[in-house]
PDB file of N, CA and C in Angstrom:
ATOM      1  N   UNK A   1       0.540  24.577  14.840  1.00  0.00           N
ATOM      2  CA  UNK A   1      -0.175  23.461  14.182  1.00  0.00           C
ATOM      3  C   UNK A   1      -0.727  22.575  15.293  1.00  0.00           C
ATOM      4  N   UNK A   2      -1.987  22.253  15.104  1.00  0.00           N
ATOM      5  CA  UNK A   2      -2.571  21.389  15.943  1.00  0.00           C
ATOM      6  C   UNK A   2      -2.324  20.027  15.746  1.00  0.00           C
ATOM      7  N   UNK A   3      -2.407  19.150  16.768  1.00  0.00           N
ATOM      8  CA  UNK A   3      -2.154  17.728  16.627  1.00  0.00           C
ATOM      9  C   UNK A   3      -3.261  16.993  17.218  1.00  0.00           C
ATOM     10  N   UNK A   4      -3.923  16.019  16.476  1.00  0.00           N
ATOM     11  CA  UNK A   4      -4.925  15.158  16.922  1.00  0.00           C
ATOM     12  C   UNK A   4      -4.457  13.778  17.229  1.00  0.00           C
ATOM     13  N   UNK A   5      -4.365  13.486  18.467  1.00  0.00           N
ATOM     14  CA  UNK A   5      -3.832  12.059  18.837  1.00  0.00           C
ATOM     15  C   UNK A   5      -4.930  11.077  19.021  1.00  0.00           C
ATOM     16  N   UNK A   6      -5.623  10.905  17.853  1.00  0.00           N
ATOM     17  CA  UNK A   6      -6.724   9.882  17.835  1.00  0.00           C
ATOM     18  C   UNK A   6      -6.076   8.543  17.781  1.00  0.00           C
ATOM     19  N   UNK A   7      -6.508   7.667  18.657  1.00  0.00           N
ATOM     20  CA  UNK A   7      -5.857   6.310  18.700  1.00  0.00           C
ATOM     21  C   UNK A   7      -5.982   5.458  17.483  1.00  0.00           C
ATOM     22  N   UNK A   8      -7.152   5.619  16.888  1.00  0.00           N
ATOM     23  CA  UNK A   8      -7.298   4.807  15.605  1.00  0.00           C
ATOM     24  C   UNK A   8      -6.396   5.246  14.491  1.00  0.00           C
ATOM     25  N   UNK A   9      -6.371   6.526  14.276  1.00  0.00           N
ATOM     26  CA  UNK A   9      -5.487   7.060  13.221  1.00  0.00           C
ATOM     27  C   UNK A   9      -4.031   6.938  13.519  1.00  0.00           C
ATOM     28  N   UNK A  10      -3.707   6.947  14.826  1.00  0.00           N
ATOM     29  CA  UNK A  10      -2.275   6.705  15.272  1.00  0.00           C
ATOM     30  C   UNK A  10      -1.891   5.257  14.984  1.00  0.00           C
ATOM     31  N   UNK A  11      -2.759   4.279  15.371  1.00  0.00           N
ATOM     32  CA  UNK A  11      -2.446   2.935  15.130  1.00  0.00           C
ATOM     33  C   UNK A  11      -2.418   2.679  13.577  1.00  0.00           C
ATOM     34  N   UNK A  12      -3.357   3.057  12.820  1.00  0.00           N
ATOM     35  CA  UNK A  12      -3.352   3.003  11.412  1.00  0.00           C
ATOM     36  C   UNK A  12      -2.127   3.497  10.758  1.00  0.00           C
ATOM     37  N   UNK A  13      -1.627   4.655  11.185  1.00  0.00           N
ATOM     38  CA  UNK A  13      -0.433   5.307  10.707  1.00  0.00           C
ATOM     39  C   UNK A  13       0.754   4.368  11.001  1.00  0.00           C
ATOM     40  N   UNK A  14       0.900   3.887  12.232  1.00  0.00           N
ATOM     41  CA  UNK A  14       2.015   3.121  12.611  1.00  0.00           C
ATOM     42  C   UNK A  14       2.059   1.742  11.822  1.00  0.00           C
ATOM     43  N   UNK A  15       0.851   1.104  11.655  1.00  0.00           N
ATOM     44  CA  UNK A  15       0.860  -0.113  10.981  1.00  0.00           C
ATOM     45  C   UNK A  15       1.161   0.083   9.478  1.00  0.00           C
ATOM     46  N   UNK A  16       0.749   1.217   8.881  1.00  0.00           N
ATOM     47  CA  UNK A  16       0.947   1.492   7.521  1.00  0.00           C
ATOM     48  C   UNK A  16       2.498   1.727   7.293  1.00  0.00           C
ATOM     49  N   UNK A  17       3.211   2.418   8.188  1.00  0.00           N
ATOM     50  CA  UNK A  17       4.661   2.396   8.151  1.00  0.00           C
ATOM     51  C   UNK A  17       5.245   1.027   8.188  1.00  0.00           C
ATOM     52  N   UNK A  18       4.805   0.220   9.031  1.00  0.00           N
ATOM     53  CA  UNK A  18       5.354  -1.163   9.101  1.00  0.00           C
ATOM     54  C   UNK A  18       5.212  -1.862   7.835  1.00  0.00           C
ATOM     55  N   UNK A  19       3.970  -1.833   7.195  1.00  0.00           N
ATOM     56  CA  UNK A  19       3.701  -2.457   5.993  1.00  0.00           C
ATOM     57  C   UNK A  19       4.617  -1.940   4.893  1.00  0.00           C
ATOM     58  N   UNK A  20       4.787  -0.553   4.851  1.00  0.00           N
ATOM     59  CA  UNK A  20       5.600   0.045   3.886  1.00  0.00           C
ATOM     60  C   UNK A  20       7.045  -0.479   3.986  1.00  0.00           C
ATOM     61  N   UNK A  21       7.614  -0.549   5.206  1.00  0.00           N
ATOM     62  CA  UNK A  21       8.914  -1.066   5.441  1.00  0.00           C
ATOM     63  C   UNK A  21       9.068  -2.536   5.069  1.00  0.00           C
ATOM     64  N   UNK A  22       7.955  -3.381   5.414  1.00  0.00           N
ATOM     65  CA  UNK A  22       8.176  -4.763   5.067  1.00  0.00           C
ATOM     66  C   UNK A  22       8.028  -4.903   3.456  1.00  0.00           C
ATOM     67  N   UNK A  23       7.138  -4.029   2.896  1.00  0.00           N
ATOM     68  CA  UNK A  23       7.083  -4.131   1.334  1.00  0.00           C
ATOM     69  C   UNK A  23       8.549  -3.839   0.608  1.00  0.00           C
ATOM     70  N   UNK A  24       9.194  -2.780   1.240  1.00  0.00           N
ATOM     71  CA  UNK A  24      10.483  -2.488   0.671  1.00  0.00           C
ATOM     72  C   UNK A  24      11.538  -3.507   0.948  1.00  0.00           C
ATOM     73  N   UNK A  25      11.402  -4.088   2.163  1.00  0.00           N
ATOM     74  CA  UNK A  25      12.344  -5.156   2.593  1.00  0.00           C
ATOM     75  C   UNK A  25      12.091  -6.415   1.658  1.00  0.00           C
ATOM     76  N   UNK A  26      10.837  -6.803   1.449  1.00  0.00           N
ATOM     77  CA  UNK A  26      10.586  -8.026   0.545  1.00  0.00           C
ATOM     78  C   UNK A  26      11.006  -7.698  -0.845  1.00  0.00           C
ATOM     79  N   UNK A  27      10.805  -6.468  -1.208  1.00  0.00           N
ATOM     80  CA  UNK A  27      11.321  -6.111  -2.672  1.00  0.00           C
ATOM     81  C   UNK A  27      12.829  -6.337  -2.820  1.00  0.00           C
ATOM     82  N   UNK A  28      13.559  -5.862  -1.730  1.00  0.00           N
ATOM     83  CA  UNK A  28      14.997  -5.932  -1.784  1.00  0.00           C
ATOM     84  C   UNK A  28      15.502  -7.367  -1.782  1.00  0.00           C
ATOM     85  N   UNK A  29      14.775  -8.148  -0.952  1.00  0.00           N
ATOM     86  CA  UNK A  29      15.239  -9.582  -0.952  1.00  0.00           C
ATOM     87  C   UNK A  29      14.789 -10.457  -2.075  1.00  0.00           C
ATOM     88  N   UNK A  30      13.534 -10.207  -2.603  1.00  0.00           N
ATOM     89  CA  UNK A  30      12.944 -11.132  -3.674  1.00  0.00           C
ATOM     90  C   UNK A  30      13.017 -10.417  -5.016  1.00  0.00           C
ATOM     91  N   UNK A  31      13.259  -9.197  -5.128  1.00  0.00           N
ATOM     92  CA  UNK A  31      13.145  -8.327  -6.349  1.00  0.00           C
ATOM     93  C   UNK A  31      11.721  -8.562  -7.111  1.00  0.00           C
ATOM     94  N   UNK A  32      10.711  -8.707  -6.255  1.00  0.00           N
ATOM     95  CA  UNK A  32       9.330  -8.746  -6.722  1.00  0.00           C
ATOM     96  C   UNK A  32       8.593  -7.397  -6.552  1.00  0.00           C
ATOM     97  N   UNK A  33       8.125  -6.853  -7.563  1.00  0.00           N
ATOM     98  CA  UNK A  33       7.407  -5.535  -7.513  1.00  0.00           C
ATOM     99  C   UNK A  33       6.135  -5.651  -6.664  1.00  0.00           C
ATOM    100  N   UNK A  34       5.599  -6.837  -6.564  1.00  0.00           N
ATOM    101  CA  UNK A  34       4.232  -6.758  -5.989  1.00  0.00           C
ATOM    102  C   UNK A  34       4.283  -6.365  -4.419  1.00  0.00           C
ATOM    103  N   UNK A  35       5.230  -6.907  -3.636  1.00  0.00           N
ATOM    104  CA  UNK A  35       5.290  -6.301  -2.256  1.00  0.00           C
ATOM    105  C   UNK A  35       5.656  -4.912  -2.208  1.00  0.00           C
ATOM    106  N   UNK A  36       6.454  -4.378  -3.065  1.00  0.00           N
ATOM    107  CA  UNK A  36       6.832  -2.979  -3.218  1.00  0.00           C
ATOM    108  C   UNK A  36       5.641  -2.141  -3.521  1.00  0.00           C
ATOM    109  N   UNK A  37       4.801  -2.615  -4.447  1.00  0.00           N
ATOM    110  CA  UNK A  37       3.559  -1.932  -4.733  1.00  0.00           C
ATOM    111  C   UNK A  37       2.501  -1.859  -3.607  1.00  0.00           C
ATOM    112  N   UNK A  38       2.479  -2.900  -2.841  1.00  0.00           N
ATOM    113  CA  UNK A  38       1.522  -2.914  -1.648  1.00  0.00           C
ATOM    114  C   UNK A  38       2.164  -1.909  -0.593  1.00  0.00           C
ATOM    115  N   UNK A  39       3.502  -1.989  -0.482  1.00  0.00           N
ATOM    116  CA  UNK A  39       4.140  -1.114   0.488  1.00  0.00           C
ATOM    117  C   UNK A  39       3.929   0.397   0.179  1.00  0.00           C
ATOM    118  N   UNK A  40       4.066   0.673  -1.134  1.00  0.00           N
ATOM    119  CA  UNK A  40       3.843   2.055  -1.604  1.00  0.00           C
ATOM    120  C   UNK A  40       2.402   2.485  -1.307  1.00  0.00           C
ATOM    121  N   UNK A  41       1.454   1.632  -1.548  1.00  0.00           N
ATOM    122  CA  UNK A  41       0.073   1.855  -1.273  1.00  0.00           C
ATOM    123  C   UNK A  41      -0.160   2.144   0.053  1.00  0.00           C
ATOM    124  N   UNK A  42       0.383   1.331   1.016  1.00  0.00           N
ATOM    125  CA  UNK A  42       0.238   1.664   2.508  1.00  0.00           C
ATOM    126  C   UNK A  42       1.023   2.856   2.843  1.00  0.00           C
ATOM    127  N   UNK A  43       2.081   3.235   2.179  1.00  0.00           N
ATOM    128  CA  UNK A  43       2.850   4.484   2.368  1.00  0.00           C
ATOM    129  C   UNK A  43       1.804   5.694   2.136  1.00  0.00           C
ATOM    130  N   UNK A  44       1.116   5.549   1.052  1.00  0.00           N
ATOM    131  CA  UNK A  44       0.148   6.604   0.770  1.00  0.00           C
ATOM    132  C   UNK A  44      -0.983   6.723   1.711  1.00  0.00           C
ATOM    133  N   UNK A  45      -1.456   5.486   2.257  1.00  0.00           N
ATOM    134  CA  UNK A  45      -2.322   5.476   3.321  1.00  0.00           C
ATOM    135  C   UNK A  45      -1.777   6.167   4.570  1.00  0.00           C
ATOM    136  N   UNK A  46      -0.558   5.965   4.834  1.00  0.00           N
ATOM    137  CA  UNK A  46       0.134   6.596   5.976  1.00  0.00           C
ATOM    138  C   UNK A  46       0.180   8.007   5.899  1.00  0.00           C
ATOM    139  N   UNK A  47       0.372   8.611   4.569  1.00  0.00           N
ATOM    140  CA  UNK A  47       0.406  10.102   4.434  1.00  0.00           C
ATOM    141  C   UNK A  47      -1.015  10.540   4.775  1.00  0.00           C
ATOM    142  N   UNK A  48      -2.085   9.878   4.290  1.00  0.00           N
ATOM    143  CA  UNK A  48      -3.424  10.319   4.598  1.00  0.00           C
ATOM    144  C   UNK A  48      -3.715  10.386   6.114  1.00  0.00           C
ATOM    145  N   UNK A  49      -3.251   9.270   6.845  1.00  0.00           N
ATOM    146  CA  UNK A  49      -3.411   9.255   8.252  1.00  0.00           C
ATOM    147  C   UNK A  49      -2.679  10.391   8.953  1.00  0.00           C
ATOM    148  N   UNK A  50      -1.422  10.599   8.551  1.00  0.00           N
ATOM    149  CA  UNK A  50      -0.679  11.628   9.095  1.00  0.00           C
ATOM    150  C   UNK A  50      -1.361  12.924   9.035  1.00  0.00           C
ATOM    151  N   UNK A  51      -1.798  13.310   7.776  1.00  0.00           N
ATOM    152  CA  UNK A  51      -2.512  14.532   7.489  1.00  0.00           C
ATOM    153  C   UNK A  51      -3.761  14.616   8.375  1.00  0.00           C
ATOM    154  N   UNK A  52      -4.396  13.540   8.805  1.00  0.00           N
ATOM    155  CA  UNK A  52      -5.521  13.590   9.737  1.00  0.00           C
ATOM    156  C   UNK A  52      -5.011  13.883  11.168  1.00  0.00           C
ATOM    157  N   UNK A  53      -3.883  13.214  11.531  1.00  0.00           N
ATOM    158  CA  UNK A  53      -3.247  13.388  12.747  1.00  0.00           C
ATOM    159  C   UNK A  53      -2.825  14.798  13.075  1.00  0.00           C
ATOM    160  N   UNK A  54      -2.427  15.377  11.980  1.00  0.00           N
ATOM    161  CA  UNK A  54      -1.914  16.813  11.923  1.00  0.00           C
ATOM    162  C   UNK A  54      -3.051  17.812  11.798  1.00  0.00           C
ATOM    163  N   UNK A  55      -4.307  17.319  11.854  1.00  0.00           N
ATOM    164  CA  UNK A  55      -5.486  18.177  11.775  1.00  0.00           C
ATOM    165  C   UNK A  55      -5.563  19.033  10.439  1.00  0.00           C
ATOM    166  N   UNK A  56      -5.100  18.231   9.374  1.00  0.00           N
ATOM    167  CA  UNK A  56      -5.168  18.952   7.984  1.00  0.00           C
ATOM    168  C   UNK A  56      -6.194  18.382   7.110  1.00  0.00           C
ATOM    169  N   UNK A  57      -6.920  17.416   7.711  1.00  0.00           N
ATOM    170  CA  UNK A  57      -7.886  16.698   6.702  1.00  0.00           C
ATOM    171  C   UNK A  57      -9.012  17.589   6.235  1.00  0.00           C
ATOM    172  N   UNK A  58      -9.450  18.439   7.061  1.00  0.00           N
ATOM    173  CA  UNK A  58     -10.633  19.392   6.525  1.00  0.00           C
ATOM    174  C   UNK A  58     -10.137  20.251   5.455  1.00  0.00           C
ATOM    175  N   UNK A  59      -8.911  20.923   5.662  1.00  0.00           N
ATOM    176  CA  UNK A  59      -8.386  21.878   4.590  1.00  0.00           C
ATOM    177  C   UNK A  59      -7.900  21.195   3.418  1.00  0.00           C
ATOM    178  N   UNK A  60      -7.481  19.961   3.651  1.00  0.00           N
ATOM    179  CA  UNK A  60      -6.790  19.189   2.393  1.00  0.00           C
ATOM    180  C   UNK A  60      -7.704  18.057   2.070  1.00  0.00           C
ATOM    181  N   UNK A  61      -8.921  18.170   2.032  1.00  0.00           N
ATOM    182  CA  UNK A  61      -9.900  17.175   1.757  1.00  0.00           C
ATOM    183  C   UNK A  61      -9.831  16.512   0.323  1.00  0.00           C
ATOM    184  N   UNK A  62      -9.700  17.384  -0.659  1.00  0.00           N
ATOM    185  CA  UNK A  62      -9.502  16.898  -1.975  1.00  0.00           C
ATOM    186  C   UNK A  62      -8.187  16.157  -2.176  1.00  0.00           C
ATOM    187  N   UNK A  63      -7.006  16.762  -1.746  1.00  0.00           N
ATOM    188  CA  UNK A  63      -5.897  15.864  -1.940  1.00  0.00           C
ATOM    189  C   UNK A  63      -5.918  14.556  -1.145  1.00  0.00           C
ATOM    190  N   UNK A  64      -6.574  14.492  -0.047  1.00  0.00           N
ATOM    191  CA  UNK A  64      -6.754  13.349   0.705  1.00  0.00           C
ATOM    192  C   UNK A  64      -7.544  12.327  -0.094  1.00  0.00           C
ATOM    193  N   UNK A  65      -8.568  12.702  -0.755  1.00  0.00           N
ATOM    194  CA  UNK A  65      -9.322  11.830  -1.534  1.00  0.00           C
ATOM    195  C   UNK A  65      -8.468  11.186  -2.819  1.00  0.00           C
ATOM    196  N   UNK A  66      -7.630  12.117  -3.399  1.00  0.00           N
ATOM    197  CA  UNK A  66      -6.755  11.633  -4.433  1.00  0.00           C
ATOM    198  C   UNK A  66      -5.725  10.688  -3.933  1.00  0.00           C
ATOM    199  N   UNK A  67      -5.142  10.945  -2.748  1.00  0.00           N
ATOM    200  CA  UNK A  67      -4.056  10.106  -2.264  1.00  0.00           C
ATOM    201  C   UNK A  67      -4.659   8.721  -1.842  1.00  0.00           C
ATOM    202  N   UNK A  68      -5.893   8.694  -1.209  1.00  0.00           N
ATOM    203  CA  UNK A  68      -6.450   7.427  -0.920  1.00  0.00           C
ATOM    204  C   UNK A  68      -7.061   6.641  -2.078  1.00  0.00           C
ATOM    205  N   UNK A  69      -7.444   7.390  -3.113  1.00  0.00           N
ATOM    206  CA  UNK A  69      -7.859   6.747  -4.369  1.00  0.00           C
ATOM    207  C   UNK A  69      -6.590   6.014  -5.057  1.00  0.00           C
ATOM    208  N   UNK A  70      -5.551   6.813  -4.981  1.00  0.00           N
ATOM    209  CA  UNK A  70      -4.271   6.199  -5.627  1.00  0.00           C
ATOM    210  C   UNK A  70      -3.764   4.960  -4.890  1.00  0.00           C
ATOM    211  N   UNK A  71      -3.907   4.950  -3.629  1.00  0.00           N
ATOM    212  CA  UNK A  71      -3.526   3.899  -2.750  1.00  0.00           C
ATOM    213  C   UNK A  71      -4.401   2.629  -3.129  1.00  0.00           C
ATOM    214  N   UNK A  72      -5.638   2.897  -3.196  1.00  0.00           N
ATOM    215  CA  UNK A  72      -6.550   1.759  -3.475  1.00  0.00           C
ATOM    216  C   UNK A  72      -6.180   1.160  -4.868  1.00  0.00           C
ATOM    217  N   UNK A  73      -6.122   2.154  -5.891  1.00  0.00           N
ATOM    218  CA  UNK A  73      -5.737   1.599  -7.204  1.00  0.00           C
ATOM    219  C   UNK A  73      -4.452   0.999  -7.251  1.00  0.00           C
ATOM    220  N   UNK A  74      -3.399   1.393  -6.401  1.00  0.00           N
ATOM    221  CA  UNK A  74      -2.222   0.670  -6.434  1.00  0.00           C
ATOM    222  C   UNK A  74      -2.351  -0.717  -5.768  1.00  0.00           C
ATOM    223  N   UNK A  75      -3.193  -0.939  -4.845  1.00  0.00           N
ATOM    224  CA  UNK A  75      -3.429  -2.330  -4.307  1.00  0.00           C
ATOM    225  C   UNK A  75      -4.179  -3.191  -5.311  1.00  0.00           C
ATOM    226  N   UNK A  76      -5.137  -2.611  -6.001  1.00  0.00           N
ATOM    227  CA  UNK A  76      -5.855  -3.334  -7.087  1.00  0.00           C
ATOM    228  C   UNK A  76      -4.925  -3.751  -8.100  1.00  0.00           C
ATOM    229  N   UNK A  77      -3.979  -2.846  -8.592  1.00  0.00           N
ATOM    230  CA  UNK A  77      -2.959  -3.212  -9.648  1.00  0.00           C
ATOM    231  C   UNK A  77      -2.027  -4.232  -9.153  1.00  0.00           C
ATOM    232  N   UNK A  78      -1.577  -4.170  -7.885  1.00  0.00           N
ATOM    233  CA  UNK A  78      -0.697  -5.220  -7.399  1.00  0.00           C
ATOM    234  C   UNK A  78      -1.469  -6.594  -7.331  1.00  0.00           C
ATOM    235  N   UNK A  79      -2.726  -6.662  -6.955  1.00  0.00           N
ATOM    236  CA  UNK A  79      -3.477  -7.877  -6.917  1.00  0.00           C
ATOM    237  C   UNK A  79      -3.695  -8.394  -8.344  1.00  0.00           C
ATOM    238  N   UNK A  80      -3.842  -7.488  -9.270  1.00  0.00           N
ATOM    239  CA  UNK A  80      -4.066  -7.918 -10.651  1.00  0.00           C
ATOM    240  C   UNK A  80      -2.710  -8.464 -11.185  1.00  0.00           C
ATOM    241  N   UNK A  81      -1.491  -7.867 -10.871  1.00  0.00           N
ATOM    242  CA  UNK A  81      -0.332  -8.347 -11.335  1.00  0.00           C
ATOM    243  C   UNK A  81       0.033  -9.747 -10.701  1.00  0.00           C
ATOM    244  N   UNK A  82      -0.263  -9.978  -9.404  1.00  0.00           N
ATOM    245  CA  UNK A  82      -0.191 -11.198  -8.796  1.00  0.00           C
ATOM    246  C   UNK A  82      -1.071 -12.208  -9.383  1.00  0.00           C
ATOM    247  N   UNK A  83      -2.229 -11.980  -9.761  1.00  0.00           N
ATOM    248  CA  UNK A  83      -3.129 -13.008 -10.337  1.00  0.00           C
ATOM    249  C   UNK A  83      -2.594 -13.362 -11.775  1.00  0.00           C
ATOM    250  N   UNK A  84      -2.123 -12.437 -12.564  1.00  0.00           N
ATOM    251  CA  UNK A  84      -1.499 -12.663 -13.820  1.00  0.00           C
ATOM    252  C   UNK A  84      -0.297 -13.524 -13.590  1.00  0.00           C
ATOM    253  N   UNK A  85       0.593 -13.151 -12.706  1.00  0.00           N
ATOM    254  CA  UNK A  85       1.824 -13.893 -12.513  1.00  0.00           C
ATOM    255  C   UNK A  85       1.540 -15.297 -12.029  1.00  0.00           C
ATOM    256  N   UNK A  86       0.542 -15.512 -11.133  1.00  0.00           N
ATOM    257  CA  UNK A  86       0.150 -16.876 -10.678  1.00  0.00           C
ATOM    258  C   UNK A  86      -0.446 -17.711 -11.826  1.00  0.00           C
ATOM    259  N   UNK A  87      -1.253 -17.133 -12.680  1.00  0.00           N
ATOM    260  CA  UNK A  87      -1.752 -17.751 -13.844  1.00  0.00           C
ATOM    261  C   UNK A  87      -0.569 -18.261 -14.777  1.00  0.00           C
ATOM    262  N   UNK A  88       0.292 -17.365 -14.975  1.00  0.00           N
ATOM    263  CA  UNK A  88       1.571 -17.747 -15.801  1.00  0.00           C
ATOM    264  C   UNK A  88       2.347 -18.777 -15.227  1.00  0.00           C
ATOM    265  N   UNK A  89       2.528 -18.750 -14.015  1.00  0.00           N
ATOM    266  CA  UNK A  89       3.349 -19.703 -13.235  1.00  0.00           C
ATOM    267  C   UNK A  89       2.582 -21.143 -13.371  1.00  0.00           C
ATOM    268  N   UNK A  90       1.260 -21.084 -13.188  1.00  0.00           N
ATOM    269  CA  UNK A  90       0.489 -22.341 -13.238  1.00  0.00           C
ATOM    270  C   UNK A  90       0.521 -22.953 -14.628  1.00  0.00           C
ATOM    271  N   UNK A  91       0.505 -22.144 -15.594  1.00  0.00           N
ATOM    272  CA  UNK A  91       0.536 -22.590 -17.061  1.00  0.00           C
ATOM    273  C   UNK A  91       1.791 -23.259 -17.386  1.00  0.00           C
ATOM    274  N   UNK A  92       2.935 -22.601 -16.916  1.00  0.00           N
ATOM    275  CA  UNK A  92       4.343 -23.255 -17.118  1.00  0.00           C
ATOM    276  C   UNK A  92       4.366 -24.512 -16.426  1.00  0.00           C
ATOM    277  N   UNK A  93       3.836 -24.645 -15.151  1.00  0.00           N
ATOM    278  CA  UNK A  93       3.932 -25.817 -14.396  1.00  0.00           C
ATOM    279  C   UNK A  93       3.123 -26.979 -15.121  1.00  0.00           C
ATOM    280  N   UNK A  94       1.959 -26.601 -15.573  1.00  0.00           N
ATOM    281  CA  UNK A  94       1.137 -27.663 -16.268  1.00  0.00           C
ATOM    282  C   UNK A  94       1.833 -28.060 -17.630  1.00  0.00           C
ATOM    283  N   UNK A  95       2.443 -27.219 -18.389  1.00  0.00           N
ATOM    284  CA  UNK A  95       3.030 -27.662 -19.560  1.00  0.00           C
ATOM    285  C   UNK A  95       4.328 -28.473 -19.345  1.00  0.00           C
ATOM    286  N   UNK A  96       5.002 -28.300 -18.182  1.00  0.00           N
ATOM    287  CA  UNK A  96       6.175 -28.971 -17.866  1.00  0.00           C
ATOM    288  C   UNK A  96       5.721 -30.369 -17.429  1.00  0.00           C
ATOM    289  N   UNK A  97       4.622 -30.477 -16.703  1.00  0.00           N
ATOM    290  CA  UNK A  97       4.167 -31.736 -16.096  1.00  0.00           C
ATOM    291  C   UNK A  97       3.391 -32.705 -17.218  1.00  0.00           C
ATOM    292  N   UNK A  98       2.869 -32.046 -18.176  1.00  0.00           N
ATOM    293  CA  UNK A  98       2.018 -32.818 -19.141  1.00  0.00           C
ATOM    294  C   UNK A  98       2.709 -33.011 -20.352  1.00  0.00           C
TER     295      UNK A  98
END
């Protein structure tokens, strides 16, 4: 198996693992699914970067597209959940103050 030590993909892979770990840690501490969803999305990005580092990107192009699309959709969903949660919290704060 060939290994492609591209510095950009290596750095992206390492940072994705850090974000995945921080997302899991934040979930355990705060019990909020939003950091977990963001961590999972970056875990999916880490898989795609690892596949590139292992020189599997050309042969697994379609699965890579699916993995990256799922990662982006997961981030979109997390941001949506955050926006709904923030609006709900703001509405409760306004009703308590007014």
